[in-house]
């Protein structure tokens, strides 16, 4: 039930929350005029702010749009994507980066059309070195030949350097801020670290914001 709740765009695509994820998708697509954004990293300042849930639901709405999507669990320290999609994590990104398996043999198809998952694979002793390696550059090139959109779930920025390394390799980065949890100074520091790594910040998603009773959603053409 927990996993079903997290994947609201799959289980309840007509809900107001799912509509908000589609709005984020649209904003991403309009964030760059001259260049189509195809590699997107999602991260946060600290743990527990909803980055993995946001990444999974964004992957679903891009797939629902007809894009061939690869969701990569690049959190090589505390991976969770395989739990969300209820798949095995015996092989994955680390298997590809260490040349143990080809990319397409490590990718898992799930029950969402156009969406494919690459779990983290076995947790390595050197995550930062793997993500910054030349093998990662080869992986990005190979994945872009197979998929329209590649989304990366990463560790929090202030915890380890992994997200900074990957932001430099992606065309865009999204920061997820947990409502009532994210601190302003931590968000500023996160932005500084990502921009310092030459990452392109696409925007910030405020997660878990509670609606007030007098707030309503409006639908274009609903009347």
C-alpha atoms as a PDB file:
ATOM      1  CA  UNK A   1       0.000   0.000   0.000  1.00  0.00           C
ATOM      2  CA  UNK A   2       2.903   2.359   0.758  1.00  0.00           C
ATOM      3  CA  UNK A   3       4.306   1.898  -2.725  1.00  0.00           C
ATOM      4  CA  UNK A   4       0.877   2.429  -4.312  1.00  0.00           C
ATOM      5  CA  UNK A   5       0.527   5.684  -2.390  1.00  0.00           C
ATOM      6  CA  UNK A   6       3.899   6.893  -3.630  1.00  0.00           C
ATOM      7  CA  UNK A   7       3.070   6.174  -7.282  1.00  0.00           C
ATOM      8  CA  UNK A   8      -0.058   8.286  -7.402  1.00  0.00           C
ATOM      9  CA  UNK A   9       0.459   9.202 -11.073  1.00  0.00           C
ATOM     10  CA  UNK A  10       0.194   5.497 -11.934  1.00  0.00           C
ATOM     11  CA  UNK A  11      -2.573   4.519  -9.543  1.00  0.00           C
ATOM     12  CA  UNK A  12      -4.707   7.674  -9.684  1.00  0.00           C
ATOM     13  CA  UNK A  13      -3.702   9.633 -12.811  1.00  0.00           C
ATOM     14  CA  UNK A  14      -6.750  11.926 -12.612  1.00  0.00           C
ATOM     15  CA  UNK A  15      -6.039  13.148  -9.084  1.00  0.00           C
ATOM     16  CA  UNK A  16      -5.069  16.807  -8.439  1.00  0.00           C
ATOM     17  CA  UNK A  17      -1.653  15.650  -7.236  1.00  0.00           C
ATOM     18  CA  UNK A  18      -1.033  13.804 -10.508  1.00  0.00           C
ATOM     19  CA  UNK A  19      -2.013  16.997 -12.335  1.00  0.00           C
ATOM     20  CA  UNK A  20       0.672  18.850 -10.366  1.00  0.00           C
ATOM     21  CA  UNK A  21       3.275  16.345 -11.557  1.00  0.00           C
ATOM     22  CA  UNK A  22       2.138  16.941 -15.138  1.00  0.00           C
ATOM     23  CA  UNK A  23       2.554  20.676 -14.530  1.00  0.00           C
ATOM     24  CA  UNK A  24       6.141  20.071 -13.409  1.00  0.00           C
ATOM     25  CA  UNK A  25       6.687  17.995 -16.563  1.00  0.00           C
ATOM     26  CA  UNK A  26       5.415  20.860 -18.709  1.00  0.00           C
ATOM     27  CA  UNK A  27       7.601  23.392 -16.895  1.00  0.00           C
ATOM     28  CA  UNK A  28      10.663  21.201 -17.489  1.00  0.00           C
ATOM     29  CA  UNK A  29       9.875  20.927 -21.188  1.00  0.00           C
ATOM     30  CA  UNK A  30       9.493  24.711 -21.505  1.00  0.00           C
ATOM     31  CA  UNK A  31      12.564  25.486 -19.398  1.00  0.00           C
ATOM     32  CA  UNK A  32      14.870  25.300 -22.385  1.00  0.00           C
ATOM     33  CA  UNK A  33      14.035  26.805 -25.754  1.00  0.00           C
ATOM     34  CA  UNK A  34      17.110  25.940 -27.786  1.00  0.00           C
ATOM     35  CA  UNK A  35      17.866  22.509 -26.338  1.00  0.00           C
ATOM     36  CA  UNK A  36      15.548  19.615 -25.463  1.00  0.00           C
ATOM     37  CA  UNK A  37      16.139  18.533 -21.862  1.00  0.00           C
ATOM     38  CA  UNK A  38      16.704  14.760 -21.934  1.00  0.00           C
ATOM     39  CA  UNK A  39      18.878  14.074 -18.867  1.00  0.00           C
ATOM     40  CA  UNK A  40      17.414  15.263 -15.557  1.00  0.00           C
ATOM     41  CA  UNK A  41      18.727  14.795 -12.047  1.00  0.00           C
ATOM     42  CA  UNK A  42      16.451  15.056  -9.019  1.00  0.00           C
ATOM     43  CA  UNK A  43      17.926  15.699  -5.604  1.00  0.00           C
ATOM     44  CA  UNK A  44      17.328  17.503  -2.286  1.00  0.00           C
ATOM     45  CA  UNK A  45      19.281  19.221   0.465  1.00  0.00           C
ATOM     46  CA  UNK A  46      18.752  16.519   3.047  1.00  0.00           C
ATOM     47  CA  UNK A  47      17.124  13.100   3.410  1.00  0.00           C
ATOM     48  CA  UNK A  48      13.386  12.487   3.642  1.00  0.00           C
ATOM     49  CA  UNK A  49      12.219  15.457   1.553  1.00  0.00           C
ATOM     50  CA  UNK A  50      10.520  13.375  -1.154  1.00  0.00           C
ATOM     51  CA  UNK A  51      13.062  13.356  -3.986  1.00  0.00           C
ATOM     52  CA  UNK A  52      12.644   9.642  -4.749  1.00  0.00           C
ATOM     53  CA  UNK A  53       8.842   9.896  -4.787  1.00  0.00           C
ATOM     54  CA  UNK A  54       9.050  12.965  -7.018  1.00  0.00           C
ATOM     55  CA  UNK A  55      11.485  11.255  -9.402  1.00  0.00           C
ATOM     56  CA  UNK A  56       9.308   8.146  -9.712  1.00  0.00           C
ATOM     57  CA  UNK A  57       6.136  10.125 -10.404  1.00  0.00           C
ATOM     58  CA  UNK A  58       7.870  12.389 -12.922  1.00  0.00           C
ATOM     59  CA  UNK A  59       9.128   9.284 -14.719  1.00  0.00           C
ATOM     60  CA  UNK A  60       5.552   7.969 -14.902  1.00  0.00           C
ATOM     61  CA  UNK A  61       4.064  11.213 -16.315  1.00  0.00           C
ATOM     62  CA  UNK A  62       6.817  11.494 -18.943  1.00  0.00           C
ATOM     63  CA  UNK A  63       6.091   7.870 -19.951  1.00  0.00           C
ATOM     64  CA  UNK A  64       2.352   8.585 -20.049  1.00  0.00           C
ATOM     65  CA  UNK A  65       3.145  11.348 -22.533  1.00  0.00           C
ATOM     66  CA  UNK A  66       4.602   8.725 -24.867  1.00  0.00           C
ATOM     67  CA  UNK A  67       8.270   9.344 -24.123  1.00  0.00           C
ATOM     68  CA  UNK A  68      10.516   6.297 -23.714  1.00  0.00           C
ATOM     69  CA  UNK A  69      11.801   6.890 -20.196  1.00  0.00           C
ATOM     70  CA  UNK A  70      14.646   5.389 -18.169  1.00  0.00           C
ATOM     71  CA  UNK A  71      14.581   5.969 -14.407  1.00  0.00           C
ATOM     72  CA  UNK A  72      18.056   5.388 -12.951  1.00  0.00           C
ATOM     73  CA  UNK A  73      18.646   4.865  -9.241  1.00  0.00           C
ATOM     74  CA  UNK A  74      21.925   6.769  -8.865  1.00  0.00           C
ATOM     75  CA  UNK A  75      21.676   6.753  -5.085  1.00  0.00           C
ATOM     76  CA  UNK A  76      24.429   4.175  -4.693  1.00  0.00           C
ATOM     77  CA  UNK A  77      24.399   4.519  -0.898  1.00  0.00           C
ATOM     78  CA  UNK A  78      20.734   4.117   0.091  1.00  0.00           C
ATOM     79  CA  UNK A  79      18.861   3.027  -3.055  1.00  0.00           C
ATOM     80  CA  UNK A  80      15.043   2.862  -2.885  1.00  0.00           C
ATOM     81  CA  UNK A  81      13.782   2.807  -6.492  1.00  0.00           C
ATOM     82  CA  UNK A  82      13.594  -1.010  -6.533  1.00  0.00           C
ATOM     83  CA  UNK A  83      11.291  -0.870  -3.494  1.00  0.00           C
ATOM     84  CA  UNK A  84       9.003   1.684  -5.151  1.00  0.00           C
ATOM     85  CA  UNK A  85       8.586  -0.447  -8.268  1.00  0.00           C
ATOM     86  CA  UNK A  86       8.831  -3.809  -6.498  1.00  0.00           C
ATOM     87  CA  UNK A  87      11.699  -5.166  -8.579  1.00  0.00           C
ATOM     88  CA  UNK A  88      14.933  -6.974  -7.725  1.00  0.00           C
ATOM     89  CA  UNK A  89      18.144  -5.052  -7.190  1.00  0.00           C
ATOM     90  CA  UNK A  90      20.606  -7.856  -7.878  1.00  0.00           C
ATOM     91  CA  UNK A  91      21.957  -5.956 -10.898  1.00  0.00           C
ATOM     92  CA  UNK A  92      21.708  -2.385 -12.103  1.00  0.00           C
ATOM     93  CA  UNK A  93      23.736   0.778 -12.642  1.00  0.00           C
ATOM     94  CA  UNK A  94      26.834  -0.486 -10.835  1.00  0.00           C
ATOM     95  CA  UNK A  95      26.727  -3.668 -12.941  1.00  0.00           C
ATOM     96  CA  UNK A  96      26.803  -1.542 -16.114  1.00  0.00           C
ATOM     97  CA  UNK A  97      29.509   0.845 -14.873  1.00  0.00           C
ATOM     98  CA  UNK A  98      31.795  -2.043 -13.929  1.00  0.00           C
ATOM     99  CA  UNK A  99      31.197  -3.774 -17.299  1.00  0.00           C
ATOM    100  CA  UNK A 100      29.558  -6.815 -15.729  1.00  0.00           C
ATOM    101  CA  UNK A 101      26.363  -6.429 -17.782  1.00  0.00           C
ATOM    102  CA  UNK A 102      25.319  -4.442 -20.880  1.00  0.00           C
ATOM    103  CA  UNK A 103      22.862  -1.592 -20.307  1.00  0.00           C
ATOM    104  CA  UNK A 104      19.820  -3.195 -21.939  1.00  0.00           C
ATOM    105  CA  UNK A 105      20.311  -6.451 -20.008  1.00  0.00           C
ATOM    106  CA  UNK A 106      20.235  -4.523 -16.732  1.00  0.00           C
ATOM    107  CA  UNK A 107      17.142  -2.424 -17.505  1.00  0.00           C
ATOM    108  CA  UNK A 108      13.818  -3.684 -16.078  1.00  0.00           C
ATOM    109  CA  UNK A 109      10.497  -3.277 -17.873  1.00  0.00           C
ATOM    110  CA  UNK A 110       7.524  -2.647 -15.568  1.00  0.00           C
ATOM    111  CA  UNK A 111       3.748  -2.409 -15.920  1.00  0.00           C
ATOM    112  CA  UNK A 112       3.866   1.228 -17.064  1.00  0.00           C
ATOM    113  CA  UNK A 113       4.099   1.540 -20.845  1.00  0.00           C
ATOM    114  CA  UNK A 114       7.295   3.282 -22.039  1.00  0.00           C
ATOM    115  CA  UNK A 115       8.865   3.317 -18.550  1.00  0.00           C
ATOM    116  CA  UNK A 116      11.999   1.302 -17.788  1.00  0.00           C
ATOM    117  CA  UNK A 117      13.896   1.085 -14.523  1.00  0.00           C
ATOM    118  CA  UNK A 118      17.617   0.721 -13.856  1.00  0.00           C
ATOM    119  CA  UNK A 119      18.033   0.006 -10.134  1.00  0.00           C
ATOM    120  CA  UNK A 120      21.287   0.834  -8.398  1.00  0.00           C
ATOM    121  CA  UNK A 121      22.633  -2.715  -8.413  1.00  0.00           C
ATOM    122  CA  UNK A 122      24.996  -3.897  -5.666  1.00  0.00           C
ATOM    123  CA  UNK A 123      26.156  -1.030  -3.443  1.00  0.00           C
ATOM    124  CA  UNK A 124      29.801  -0.224  -4.290  1.00  0.00           C
ATOM    125  CA  UNK A 125      32.560   0.956  -1.906  1.00  0.00           C
ATOM    126  CA  UNK A 126      33.285   3.998  -4.104  1.00  0.00           C
ATOM    127  CA  UNK A 127      30.019   5.620  -5.343  1.00  0.00           C
ATOM    128  CA  UNK A 128      31.512   9.049  -6.088  1.00  0.00           C
ATOM    129  CA  UNK A 129      34.344   7.598  -8.170  1.00  0.00           C
ATOM    130  CA  UNK A 130      31.912   5.444 -10.157  1.00  0.00           C
ATOM    131  CA  UNK A 131      29.570   8.369 -10.912  1.00  0.00           C
ATOM    132  CA  UNK A 132      32.485  10.568 -11.972  1.00  0.00           C
ATOM    133  CA  UNK A 133      34.150   7.906 -14.079  1.00  0.00           C
ATOM    134  CA  UNK A 134      34.569   7.715 -17.820  1.00  0.00           C
ATOM    135  CA  UNK A 135      32.334   4.641 -17.668  1.00  0.00           C
ATOM    136  CA  UNK A 136      29.529   6.955 -16.534  1.00  0.00           C
ATOM    137  CA  UNK A 137      30.070   9.131 -19.603  1.00  0.00           C
ATOM    138  CA  UNK A 138      29.816   6.041 -21.815  1.00  0.00           C
ATOM    139  CA  UNK A 139      26.669   5.011 -19.951  1.00  0.00           C
ATOM    140  CA  UNK A 140      25.036   8.409 -20.575  1.00  0.00           C
ATOM    141  CA  UNK A 141      25.819   8.240 -24.276  1.00  0.00           C
ATOM    142  CA  UNK A 142      24.498   4.681 -24.608  1.00  0.00           C
ATOM    143  CA  UNK A 143      21.330   5.465 -22.628  1.00  0.00           C
ATOM    144  CA  UNK A 144      20.563   8.515 -24.776  1.00  0.00           C
ATOM    145  CA  UNK A 145      20.680   6.297 -27.866  1.00  0.00           C
ATOM    146  CA  UNK A 146      17.956   4.060 -26.387  1.00  0.00           C
ATOM    147  CA  UNK A 147      15.702   6.436 -24.428  1.00  0.00           C
ATOM    148  CA  UNK A 148      14.044   9.844 -24.899  1.00  0.00           C
ATOM    149  CA  UNK A 149      14.262  10.940 -21.248  1.00  0.00           C
ATOM    150  CA  UNK A 150      16.633   9.782 -18.496  1.00  0.00           C
ATOM    151  CA  UNK A 151      15.823  10.652 -14.879  1.00  0.00           C
ATOM    152  CA  UNK A 152      18.326  10.170 -12.064  1.00  0.00           C
ATOM    153  CA  UNK A 153      17.484   9.748  -8.398  1.00  0.00           C
ATOM    154  CA  UNK A 154      20.516  10.802  -6.327  1.00  0.00           C
ATOM    155  CA  UNK A 155      21.597  11.139  -2.694  1.00  0.00           C
ATOM    156  CA  UNK A 156      20.988  14.484  -0.919  1.00  0.00           C
ATOM    157  CA  UNK A 157      23.444  17.231  -1.912  1.00  0.00           C
ATOM    158  CA  UNK A 158      24.585  18.186   1.586  1.00  0.00           C
ATOM    159  CA  UNK A 159      25.287  14.574   2.607  1.00  0.00           C
ATOM    160  CA  UNK A 160      27.797  13.488  -0.059  1.00  0.00           C
ATOM    161  CA  UNK A 161      29.331  14.763  -3.299  1.00  0.00           C
ATOM    162  CA  UNK A 162      27.541  12.295  -5.608  1.00  0.00           C
ATOM    163  CA  UNK A 163      24.785  14.699  -6.669  1.00  0.00           C
ATOM    164  CA  UNK A 164      27.262  17.471  -7.514  1.00  0.00           C
ATOM    165  CA  UNK A 165      29.228  15.077  -9.705  1.00  0.00           C
ATOM    166  CA  UNK A 166      26.137  13.915 -11.557  1.00  0.00           C
ATOM    167  CA  UNK A 167      24.664  17.412 -11.937  1.00  0.00           C
ATOM    168  CA  UNK A 168      27.674  18.257 -14.061  1.00  0.00           C
ATOM    169  CA  UNK A 169      26.783  15.423 -16.439  1.00  0.00           C
ATOM    170  CA  UNK A 170      23.019  16.126 -16.697  1.00  0.00           C
ATOM    171  CA  UNK A 171      21.292  18.805 -18.735  1.00  0.00           C
ATOM    172  CA  UNK A 172      19.123  19.870 -15.807  1.00  0.00           C
ATOM    173  CA  UNK A 173      18.718  19.498 -12.056  1.00  0.00           C
ATOM    174  CA  UNK A 174      15.594  19.711  -9.909  1.00  0.00           C
ATOM    175  CA  UNK A 175      15.745  20.308  -6.153  1.00  0.00           C
ATOM    176  CA  UNK A 176      12.930  18.852  -4.049  1.00  0.00           C
ATOM    177  CA  UNK A 177      12.247  20.788  -0.849  1.00  0.00           C
ATOM    178  CA  UNK A 178      10.111  19.188   1.841  1.00  0.00           C
ATOM    179  CA  UNK A 179       7.486  21.636   3.128  1.00  0.00           C
ATOM    180  CA  UNK A 180       8.233  22.481   6.758  1.00  0.00           C
ATOM    181  CA  UNK A 181      11.430  20.453   6.606  1.00  0.00           C
ATOM    182  CA  UNK A 182      13.822  22.179   4.229  1.00  0.00           C
ATOM    183  CA  UNK A 183      15.808  25.012   5.815  1.00  0.00           C
ATOM    184  CA  UNK A 184      16.428  28.191   3.823  1.00  0.00           C
ATOM    185  CA  UNK A 185      20.172  28.255   4.482  1.00  0.00           C
ATOM    186  CA  UNK A 186      20.458  24.600   3.476  1.00  0.00           C
ATOM    187  CA  UNK A 187      18.641  25.275   0.200  1.00  0.00           C
ATOM    188  CA  UNK A 188      20.944  28.218  -0.529  1.00  0.00           C
ATOM    189  CA  UNK A 189      23.986  26.058   0.192  1.00  0.00           C
ATOM    190  CA  UNK A 190      22.580  23.308  -2.033  1.00  0.00           C
ATOM    191  CA  UNK A 191      22.113  25.753  -4.896  1.00  0.00           C
ATOM    192  CA  UNK A 192      25.663  27.078  -4.447  1.00  0.00           C
ATOM    193  CA  UNK A 193      27.161  23.587  -4.519  1.00  0.00           C
ATOM    194  CA  UNK A 194      25.225  22.555  -7.638  1.00  0.00           C
ATOM    195  CA  UNK A 195      25.950  25.732  -9.582  1.00  0.00           C
ATOM    196  CA  UNK A 196      29.587  25.514  -8.440  1.00  0.00           C
ATOM    197  CA  UNK A 197      29.713  22.078 -10.082  1.00  0.00           C
ATOM    198  CA  UNK A 198      28.410  23.670 -13.326  1.00  0.00           C
ATOM    199  CA  UNK A 199      25.006  22.053 -12.850  1.00  0.00           C
ATOM    200  CA  UNK A 200      22.008  23.718 -14.529  1.00  0.00           C
ATOM    201  CA  UNK A 201      19.234  24.267 -11.993  1.00  0.00           C
ATOM    202  CA  UNK A 202      15.794  23.913 -13.609  1.00  0.00           C
ATOM    203  CA  UNK A 203      13.774  24.721 -10.493  1.00  0.00           C
ATOM    204  CA  UNK A 204      12.595  23.717  -7.046  1.00  0.00           C
ATOM    205  CA  UNK A 205       9.635  21.449  -6.257  1.00  0.00           C
ATOM    206  CA  UNK A 206       7.901  22.113  -2.935  1.00  0.00           C
ATOM    207  CA  UNK A 207       6.819  18.705  -1.697  1.00  0.00           C
ATOM    208  CA  UNK A 208       4.231  17.631   0.870  1.00  0.00           C
ATOM    209  CA  UNK A 209       2.609  21.078   1.120  1.00  0.00           C
ATOM    210  CA  UNK A 210      -0.766  20.704   2.819  1.00  0.00           C
ATOM    211  CA  UNK A 211      -3.724  22.389   1.123  1.00  0.00           C
ATOM    212  CA  UNK A 212      -5.870  24.719   3.208  1.00  0.00           C
ATOM    213  CA  UNK A 213      -9.620  24.086   3.217  1.00  0.00           C
ATOM    214  CA  UNK A 214     -10.379  27.291   1.320  1.00  0.00           C
ATOM    215  CA  UNK A 215      -7.892  26.453  -1.441  1.00  0.00           C
ATOM    216  CA  UNK A 216      -9.232  24.712  -4.544  1.00  0.00           C
ATOM    217  CA  UNK A 217      -7.853  23.330  -7.754  1.00  0.00           C
ATOM    218  CA  UNK A 218      -9.110  24.796 -10.980  1.00  0.00           C
ATOM    219  CA  UNK A 219      -9.357  22.934 -14.231  1.00  0.00           C
ATOM    220  CA  UNK A 220      -9.136  24.606 -17.604  1.00  0.00           C
ATOM    221  CA  UNK A 221     -12.410  24.171 -19.402  1.00  0.00           C
ATOM    222  CA  UNK A 222     -14.048  22.428 -16.444  1.00  0.00           C
ATOM    223  CA  UNK A 223     -17.167  24.574 -16.638  1.00  0.00           C
END
